[in-house]
Amino acid sequence: MLFSYFAVSRDSGNILHITMRSSPPADTPTVQYSYASIAGVNRYNTLHNAGQDLISLRNVG
């Protein structure tokens, strides 16, 4: 089963992209991964479709 994860910039806290994985990806020095619920992904898509380019992880939680 695949789950959604937000790739989040450690510096800004902004979401870089969404990835689908069966387990959490490994964090890196510049990117951390956070589980993305269906509601979070829907909120992200709503904000992105409204023209927001920089979406903070706090805005989808």
N, C-alpha and C. Protein backbone atom coordinates (compact mmCIF):
# COMPACT_ATOMS: atom_id res chain seq x y z
N MET A 1 0.83 -1.17 0.00
CA MET A 1 0.00 0.00 0.00
C MET A 1 0.89 1.24 0.00
N LEU A 2 0.52 2.22 -0.83
CA LEU A 2 1.29 3.46 -0.91
C LEU A 2 0.66 4.54 -0.05
N PHE A 3 1.52 5.35 0.55
CA PHE A 3 1.10 6.49 1.36
C PHE A 3 1.73 7.75 0.78
N SER A 4 1.08 8.87 1.02
CA SER A 4 1.61 10.15 0.55
C SER A 4 2.49 10.77 1.63
N TYR A 5 3.58 11.39 1.18
CA TYR A 5 4.49 12.11 2.07
C TYR A 5 4.82 13.45 1.44
N PHE A 6 4.84 14.50 2.26
CA PHE A 6 5.30 15.80 1.81
C PHE A 6 6.81 15.85 1.98
N ALA A 7 7.51 16.29 0.95
CA ALA A 7 8.92 16.62 1.06
C ALA A 7 8.98 18.09 1.44
N VAL A 8 9.57 18.38 2.59
CA VAL A 8 9.52 19.72 3.17
C VAL A 8 10.94 20.27 3.33
N SER A 9 11.15 21.50 2.89
CA SER A 9 12.44 22.16 3.07
C SER A 9 12.68 22.41 4.55
N ARG A 10 13.83 22.00 5.04
CA ARG A 10 14.16 22.23 6.46
C ARG A 10 14.32 23.72 6.74
N ASP A 11 14.81 24.48 5.77
CA ASP A 11 15.05 25.91 5.99
C ASP A 11 13.76 26.71 6.09
N SER A 12 12.84 26.49 5.16
CA SER A 12 11.64 27.32 5.09
C SER A 12 10.39 26.68 5.66
N GLY A 13 10.37 25.35 5.71
CA GLY A 13 9.15 24.65 6.12
C GLY A 13 8.13 24.55 5.00
N ASN A 14 8.53 24.97 3.79
CA ASN A 14 7.63 24.90 2.64
C ASN A 14 7.68 23.51 2.00
N ILE A 15 6.54 23.10 1.48
CA ILE A 15 6.43 21.80 0.80
C ILE A 15 7.06 21.92 -0.58
N LEU A 16 7.95 20.99 -0.89
CA LEU A 16 8.62 20.98 -2.19
C LEU A 16 7.85 20.13 -3.19
N HIS A 17 7.36 18.99 -2.74
CA HIS A 17 6.57 18.11 -3.59
C HIS A 17 5.94 17.02 -2.73
N ILE A 18 5.10 16.23 -3.33
CA ILE A 18 4.47 15.08 -2.67
C ILE A 18 5.01 13.82 -3.33
N THR A 19 5.33 12.82 -2.54
CA THR A 19 5.79 11.55 -3.07
C THR A 19 4.93 10.43 -2.50
N MET A 20 4.78 9.37 -3.27
CA MET A 20 4.02 8.19 -2.84
C MET A 20 5.02 7.07 -2.56
N ARG A 21 4.95 6.53 -1.34
CA ARG A 21 5.88 5.48 -0.94
C ARG A 21 5.16 4.48 -0.05
N SER A 22 5.69 3.28 0.03
CA SER A 22 5.14 2.28 0.94
C SER A 22 5.68 2.46 2.35
N SER A 23 6.79 3.21 2.48
CA SER A 23 7.35 3.53 3.79
C SER A 23 7.95 4.93 3.70
N PRO A 24 8.15 5.58 4.84
CA PRO A 24 8.68 6.95 4.79
C PRO A 24 10.05 7.01 4.14
N PRO A 25 10.28 7.97 3.26
CA PRO A 25 11.63 8.15 2.71
C PRO A 25 12.57 8.62 3.81
N ALA A 26 13.85 8.45 3.57
CA ALA A 26 14.85 8.92 4.54
C ALA A 26 15.01 10.42 4.42
N ASP A 27 15.05 11.10 5.56
CA ASP A 27 15.30 12.53 5.57
C ASP A 27 16.73 12.81 5.12
N THR A 28 16.96 14.02 4.63
CA THR A 28 18.30 14.45 4.24
C THR A 28 18.64 15.71 5.03
N PRO A 29 19.85 16.22 4.91
CA PRO A 29 20.19 17.45 5.63
C PRO A 29 19.32 18.65 5.23
N THR A 30 18.76 18.65 4.02
CA THR A 30 17.98 19.80 3.56
C THR A 30 16.49 19.53 3.43
N VAL A 31 16.10 18.25 3.40
CA VAL A 31 14.69 17.89 3.20
C VAL A 31 14.26 16.90 4.26
N GLN A 32 13.08 17.13 4.83
CA GLN A 32 12.49 16.15 5.73
C GLN A 32 11.16 15.72 5.13
N TYR A 33 10.74 14.53 5.45
CA TYR A 33 9.49 13.99 4.93
C TYR A 33 8.47 13.89 6.04
N SER A 34 7.24 14.24 5.70
CA SER A 34 6.15 14.23 6.67
C SER A 34 4.96 13.51 6.06
N TYR A 35 4.34 12.60 6.82
CA TYR A 35 3.17 11.89 6.33
C TYR A 35 2.11 12.89 5.90
N ALA A 36 1.50 12.65 4.76
CA ALA A 36 0.47 13.54 4.22
C ALA A 36 -0.87 12.81 4.22
N SER A 37 -1.75 13.23 5.11
CA SER A 37 -3.09 12.62 5.14
C SER A 37 -3.85 13.02 3.88
N ILE A 38 -4.94 12.33 3.61
CA ILE A 38 -5.77 12.68 2.47
C ILE A 38 -6.27 14.12 2.60
N ALA A 39 -6.67 14.51 3.80
CA ALA A 39 -7.12 15.88 4.03
C ALA A 39 -6.00 16.88 3.77
N GLY A 40 -4.77 16.54 4.20
CA GLY A 40 -3.62 17.41 3.97
C GLY A 40 -3.31 17.57 2.49
N VAL A 41 -3.37 16.47 1.75
CA VAL A 41 -3.13 16.52 0.31
C VAL A 41 -4.22 17.34 -0.37
N ASN A 42 -5.46 17.16 0.05
CA ASN A 42 -6.56 17.94 -0.52
C ASN A 42 -6.37 19.43 -0.24
N ARG A 43 -5.96 19.77 0.98
CA ARG A 43 -5.72 21.16 1.34
C ARG A 43 -4.58 21.73 0.52
N TYR A 44 -3.50 20.95 0.36
CA TYR A 44 -2.37 21.38 -0.47
C TYR A 44 -2.84 21.66 -1.90
N ASN A 45 -3.61 20.75 -2.47
CA ASN A 45 -4.09 20.92 -3.85
C ASN A 45 -4.99 22.15 -3.98
N THR A 46 -5.82 22.40 -2.98
CA THR A 46 -6.68 23.59 -3.00
C THR A 46 -5.85 24.86 -3.00
N LEU A 47 -4.84 24.92 -2.13
CA LEU A 47 -3.98 26.09 -2.08
C LEU A 47 -3.18 26.26 -3.37
N HIS A 48 -2.64 25.16 -3.88
CA HIS A 48 -1.85 25.22 -5.11
C HIS A 48 -2.71 25.66 -6.29
N ASN A 49 -3.92 25.12 -6.39
CA ASN A 49 -4.82 25.48 -7.48
C ASN A 49 -5.29 26.92 -7.39
N ALA A 50 -5.24 27.49 -6.19
CA ALA A 50 -5.61 28.89 -5.99
C ALA A 50 -4.45 29.83 -6.32
N GLY A 51 -3.32 29.28 -6.73
CA GLY A 51 -2.19 30.10 -7.17
C GLY A 51 -1.07 30.27 -6.17
N GLN A 52 -1.14 29.59 -5.03
CA GLN A 52 -0.05 29.70 -4.06
C GLN A 52 1.10 28.79 -4.48
N ASP A 53 2.29 29.39 -4.56
CA ASP A 53 3.47 28.62 -4.94
C ASP A 53 4.23 28.09 -3.74
N LEU A 54 4.27 28.89 -2.66
CA LEU A 54 4.99 28.51 -1.45
C LEU A 54 3.98 28.15 -0.38
N ILE A 55 3.83 26.85 -0.15
CA ILE A 55 2.83 26.37 0.81
C ILE A 55 3.56 25.73 1.98
N SER A 56 3.35 26.29 3.16
CA SER A 56 3.99 25.80 4.37
C SER A 56 3.29 24.54 4.86
N LEU A 57 4.07 23.66 5.46
CA LEU A 57 3.51 22.44 6.05
C LEU A 57 2.46 22.80 7.09
N ARG A 58 2.66 23.92 7.80
CA ARG A 58 1.68 24.35 8.82
C ARG A 58 0.30 24.64 8.20
N ASN A 59 0.27 25.03 6.93
CA ASN A 59 -1.00 25.40 6.29
C ASN A 59 -1.83 24.21 5.82
N VAL A 60 -1.27 23.02 5.89
CA VAL A 60 -2.01 21.84 5.43
C VAL A 60 -2.31 20.87 6.56
N GLY A 61 -1.82 21.18 7.77
CA GLY A 61 -1.96 20.28 8.90
C GLY A 61 -3.27 20.34 9.60
